[in-house]
Amino acid sequence: MKKMVLILLAVFVLFGCSSTPDSANISETEIPADKRPGQGEALITVNRIQTFAGSMISMTIWVNDEVVANGIRNGVTTYIVVPKGEYTIQAGSTSVDKGNAITFSINENEEVVFQATPAMGALAARFRLNEINRRIINQ
């Protein structure tokens, strides 16, 4: 039993304290054709950075407390087309661990880019979201 506790403690220390790489410049990437917003719509882009900490935990994204993307793996970029307006976004591994909430407004033909960085807890991963870019999408 002591051996198991020591192993779990070592895993939590190693994964919980590992550093994350600098964000990739996803603001310059091309938006897939099927994810481009239409008239009156905008785009929320969430890049889950690729890191060793939390790599086995899938991420869920909530917009206005509704699940909009589920099962996002390490290093994946997710595109969410929404009507222009005001939104609150969160990311986590469970509905209890949604992470920080960011409220923002988005205009027609605008893209807001967020970066999700995992932070391991005792039972789940919490993802820290940061807005890293905004741009007007050329039609």
C-alpha atoms as a PDB file:
ATOM      1  CA  MET A   1       0.000   0.000   0.000  1.00  0.00           C
ATOM      2  CA  LYS A   2       2.846   2.405   0.875  1.00  0.00           C
ATOM      3  CA  LYS A   3       4.494   1.628  -2.446  1.00  0.00           C
ATOM      4  CA  MET A   4       1.294   2.512  -4.333  1.00  0.00           C
ATOM      5  CA  VAL A   5       0.951   5.815  -2.448  1.00  0.00           C
ATOM      6  CA  LEU A   6       4.572   6.728  -3.227  1.00  0.00           C
ATOM      7  CA  ILE A   7       4.109   5.923  -6.905  1.00  0.00           C
ATOM      8  CA  LEU A   8       0.929   8.033  -7.108  1.00  0.00           C
ATOM      9  CA  LEU A   9       2.621  10.900  -5.286  1.00  0.00           C
ATOM     10  CA  ALA A  10       5.575  10.774  -7.685  1.00  0.00           C
ATOM     11  CA  VAL A  11       3.240  10.781 -10.703  1.00  0.00           C
ATOM     12  CA  PHE A  12       1.311  13.807  -9.387  1.00  0.00           C
ATOM     13  CA  VAL A  13       4.530  15.723  -8.708  1.00  0.00           C
ATOM     14  CA  LEU A  14       5.999  14.930 -12.118  1.00  0.00           C
ATOM     15  CA  PHE A  15       2.865  15.689 -14.127  1.00  0.00           C
ATOM     16  CA  GLY A  16       1.586  18.573 -12.010  1.00  0.00           C
ATOM     17  CA  CYS A  17       4.849  20.502 -12.131  1.00  0.00           C
ATOM     18  CA  SER A  18       5.925  19.948 -15.703  1.00  0.00           C
ATOM     19  CA  SER A  19       6.310  23.027 -17.839  1.00  0.00           C
ATOM     20  CA  THR A  20       4.451  23.697 -21.047  1.00  0.00           C
ATOM     21  CA  PRO A  21       5.975  24.804 -24.346  1.00  0.00           C
ATOM     22  CA  ASP A  22       5.414  28.244 -25.834  1.00  0.00           C
ATOM     23  CA  SER A  23       2.221  28.577 -27.806  1.00  0.00           C
ATOM     24  CA  ALA A  24       2.307  27.754 -31.477  1.00  0.00           C
ATOM     25  CA  ASN A  25       1.378  30.653 -33.714  1.00  0.00           C
ATOM     26  CA  ILE A  26      -1.984  29.257 -34.730  1.00  0.00           C
ATOM     27  CA  SER A  27      -3.271  32.710 -35.608  1.00  0.00           C
ATOM     28  CA  GLU A  28      -1.512  32.373 -38.957  1.00  0.00           C
ATOM     29  CA  THR A  29      -2.953  28.985 -39.865  1.00  0.00           C
ATOM     30  CA  GLU A  30      -5.563  28.577 -42.554  1.00  0.00           C
ATOM     31  CA  ILE A  31      -9.111  27.869 -41.401  1.00  0.00           C
ATOM     32  CA  PRO A  32     -10.552  24.650 -42.900  1.00  0.00           C
ATOM     33  CA  ALA A  33     -13.141  25.386 -45.602  1.00  0.00           C
ATOM     34  CA  ASP A  34     -15.941  23.589 -43.736  1.00  0.00           C
ATOM     35  CA  LYS A  35     -15.283  25.692 -40.590  1.00  0.00           C
ATOM     36  CA  ARG A  36     -15.437  29.154 -42.175  1.00  0.00           C
ATOM     37  CA  PRO A  37     -18.272  31.274 -40.725  1.00  0.00           C
ATOM     38  CA  GLY A  38     -21.168  32.373 -42.901  1.00  0.00           C
ATOM     39  CA  GLN A  39     -23.080  35.633 -42.904  1.00  0.00           C
ATOM     40  CA  GLY A  40     -23.738  36.916 -39.368  1.00  0.00           C
ATOM     41  CA  GLU A  41     -21.407  34.285 -37.900  1.00  0.00           C
ATOM     42  CA  ALA A  42     -18.010  34.292 -36.225  1.00  0.00           C
ATOM     43  CA  LEU A  43     -15.366  31.716 -35.302  1.00  0.00           C
ATOM     44  CA  ILE A  44     -13.980  30.620 -31.942  1.00  0.00           C
ATOM     45  CA  THR A  45     -10.715  28.703 -32.294  1.00  0.00           C
ATOM     46  CA  VAL A  46      -9.302  26.730 -29.352  1.00  0.00           C
ATOM     47  CA  ASN A  47      -5.810  25.284 -29.594  1.00  0.00           C
ATOM     48  CA  ARG A  48      -4.993  22.640 -27.004  1.00  0.00           C
ATOM     49  CA  ILE A  49      -1.229  22.884 -26.814  1.00  0.00           C
ATOM     50  CA  GLN A  50       0.703  19.657 -27.037  1.00  0.00           C
ATOM     51  CA  THR A  51       2.347  18.868 -23.731  1.00  0.00           C
ATOM     52  CA  PHE A  52       3.293  15.828 -21.699  1.00  0.00           C
ATOM     53  CA  ALA A  53       1.294  16.914 -18.626  1.00  0.00           C
ATOM     54  CA  GLY A  54      -2.305  15.858 -19.079  1.00  0.00           C
ATOM     55  CA  SER A  55      -1.699  14.293 -22.480  1.00  0.00           C
ATOM     56  CA  MET A  56      -3.882  11.270 -21.684  1.00  0.00           C
ATOM     57  CA  ILE A  57      -6.840  13.402 -20.522  1.00  0.00           C
ATOM     58  CA  SER A  58      -9.375  14.517 -23.111  1.00  0.00           C
ATOM     59  CA  MET A  59     -10.707  18.072 -23.014  1.00  0.00           C
ATOM     60  CA  THR A  60     -14.269  19.369 -23.229  1.00  0.00           C
ATOM     61  CA  ILE A  61     -15.198  22.919 -24.248  1.00  0.00           C
ATOM     62  CA  TRP A  62     -18.285  24.686 -22.884  1.00  0.00           C
ATOM     63  CA  VAL A  63     -19.706  27.831 -24.474  1.00  0.00           C
ATOM     64  CA  ASN A  64     -22.433  29.478 -22.383  1.00  0.00           C
ATOM     65  CA  ASP A  65     -22.532  26.308 -20.217  1.00  0.00           C
ATOM     66  CA  GLU A  66     -23.290  24.030 -23.192  1.00  0.00           C
ATOM     67  CA  VAL A  67     -20.857  21.371 -24.415  1.00  0.00           C
ATOM     68  CA  VAL A  68     -19.731  22.365 -27.920  1.00  0.00           C
ATOM     69  CA  ALA A  69     -16.730  20.039 -28.305  1.00  0.00           C
ATOM     70  CA  ASN A  70     -15.859  16.852 -26.447  1.00  0.00           C
ATOM     71  CA  GLY A  71     -12.972  14.374 -26.463  1.00  0.00           C
ATOM     72  CA  ILE A  72     -10.323  16.841 -27.653  1.00  0.00           C
ATOM     73  CA  ARG A  73      -6.892  15.258 -27.516  1.00  0.00           C
ATOM     74  CA  ASN A  74      -3.420  16.671 -26.996  1.00  0.00           C
ATOM     75  CA  GLY A  75      -2.288  19.129 -29.690  1.00  0.00           C
ATOM     76  CA  VAL A  76      -5.662  19.425 -31.459  1.00  0.00           C
ATOM     77  CA  THR A  77      -7.159  22.705 -32.708  1.00  0.00           C
ATOM     78  CA  THR A  78     -10.957  22.992 -32.534  1.00  0.00           C
ATOM     79  CA  TYR A  79     -13.089  25.412 -34.572  1.00  0.00           C
ATOM     80  CA  ILE A  80     -16.513  26.510 -33.297  1.00  0.00           C
ATOM     81  CA  VAL A  81     -18.777  28.579 -35.576  1.00  0.00           C
ATOM     82  CA  VAL A  82     -21.178  30.805 -33.611  1.00  0.00           C
ATOM     83  CA  PRO A  83     -23.527  33.719 -34.337  1.00  0.00           C
ATOM     84  CA  LYS A  84     -22.001  37.102 -33.479  1.00  0.00           C
ATOM     85  CA  GLY A  85     -22.660  37.993 -29.842  1.00  0.00           C
ATOM     86  CA  GLU A  86     -21.393  37.643 -26.284  1.00  0.00           C
ATOM     87  CA  TYR A  87     -20.134  34.326 -24.943  1.00  0.00           C
ATOM     88  CA  THR A  88     -18.534  32.670 -21.935  1.00  0.00           C
ATOM     89  CA  ILE A  89     -16.054  29.878 -22.691  1.00  0.00           C
ATOM     90  CA  GLN A  90     -14.525  27.252 -20.394  1.00  0.00           C
ATOM     91  CA  ALA A  91     -12.431  24.113 -20.884  1.00  0.00           C
ATOM     92  CA  GLY A  92     -11.875  21.110 -18.620  1.00  0.00           C
ATOM     93  CA  SER A  93     -11.969  17.366 -18.314  1.00  0.00           C
ATOM     94  CA  THR A  94     -15.203  17.177 -16.272  1.00  0.00           C
ATOM     95  CA  SER A  95     -18.183  19.450 -15.644  1.00  0.00           C
ATOM     96  CA  VAL A  96     -16.836  19.994 -12.118  1.00  0.00           C
ATOM     97  CA  ASP A  97     -13.379  21.037 -13.378  1.00  0.00           C
ATOM     98  CA  LYS A  98     -14.333  23.517 -16.104  1.00  0.00           C
ATOM     99  CA  GLY A  99     -11.347  25.774 -15.469  1.00  0.00           C
ATOM    100  CA  ASN A 100     -11.391  29.559 -15.813  1.00  0.00           C
ATOM    101  CA  ALA A 101     -14.328  31.315 -17.464  1.00  0.00           C
ATOM    102  CA  ILE A 102     -13.670  33.978 -20.087  1.00  0.00           C
ATOM    103  CA  THR A 103     -16.493  36.244 -21.214  1.00  0.00           C
ATOM    104  CA  PHE A 104     -16.015  37.998 -24.545  1.00  0.00           C
ATOM    105  CA  SER A 105     -17.864  39.575 -27.471  1.00  0.00           C
ATOM    106  CA  ILE A 106     -17.318  38.517 -31.048  1.00  0.00           C
ATOM    107  CA  ASN A 107     -18.364  40.292 -34.251  1.00  0.00           C
ATOM    108  CA  GLU A 108     -19.365  38.986 -37.660  1.00  0.00           C
ATOM    109  CA  ASN A 109     -16.410  37.585 -39.667  1.00  0.00           C
ATOM    110  CA  GLU A 110     -14.149  37.757 -36.610  1.00  0.00           C
ATOM    111  CA  GLU A 111     -12.022  34.959 -35.194  1.00  0.00           C
ATOM    112  CA  VAL A 112     -11.067  34.776 -31.520  1.00  0.00           C
ATOM    113  CA  VAL A 113      -8.206  32.370 -30.812  1.00  0.00           C
ATOM    114  CA  PHE A 114      -7.761  30.757 -27.392  1.00  0.00           C
ATOM    115  CA  GLN A 115      -4.956  28.568 -26.114  1.00  0.00           C
ATOM    116  CA  ALA A 116      -5.786  25.771 -23.639  1.00  0.00           C
ATOM    117  CA  THR A 117      -2.995  24.717 -21.291  1.00  0.00           C
ATOM    118  CA  PRO A 118      -3.594  21.673 -19.040  1.00  0.00           C
ATOM    119  CA  ALA A 119      -2.890  21.709 -15.312  1.00  0.00           C
ATOM    120  CA  MET A 120      -3.148  18.324 -13.635  1.00  0.00           C
ATOM    121  CA  GLY A 121      -5.068  17.959 -10.409  1.00  0.00           C
ATOM    122  CA  ALA A 122      -5.480  14.940  -8.165  1.00  0.00           C
ATOM    123  CA  LEU A 123      -8.427  13.477 -10.098  1.00  0.00           C
ATOM    124  CA  ALA A 124      -8.809  15.476 -13.316  1.00  0.00           C
ATOM    125  CA  ALA A 125      -7.195  18.073 -15.543  1.00  0.00           C
ATOM    126  CA  ARG A 126      -8.202  21.700 -15.490  1.00  0.00           C
ATOM    127  CA  PHE A 127      -7.421  23.694 -18.615  1.00  0.00           C
ATOM    128  CA  ARG A 128      -6.346  27.325 -18.419  1.00  0.00           C
ATOM    129  CA  LEU A 129      -7.688  29.335 -21.359  1.00  0.00           C
ATOM    130  CA  ASN A 130      -5.978  32.467 -22.637  1.00  0.00           C
ATOM    131  CA  GLU A 131      -7.096  34.635 -25.529  1.00  0.00           C
ATOM    132  CA  ILE A 132      -4.045  34.893 -27.759  1.00  0.00           C
ATOM    133  CA  ASN A 133      -5.359  36.577 -30.916  1.00  0.00           C
ATOM    134  CA  ARG A 134      -8.258  38.216 -32.724  1.00  0.00           C
ATOM    135  CA  ARG A 135      -8.509  38.803 -36.432  1.00  0.00           C
ATOM    136  CA  ILE A 136     -10.985  39.605 -39.142  1.00  0.00           C
ATOM    137  CA  ILE A 137     -11.534  36.631 -41.445  1.00  0.00           C
ATOM    138  CA  ASN A 138     -11.226  37.422 -45.127  1.00  0.00           C
ATOM    139  CA  GLN A 139     -14.144  35.985 -47.040  1.00  0.00           C
END
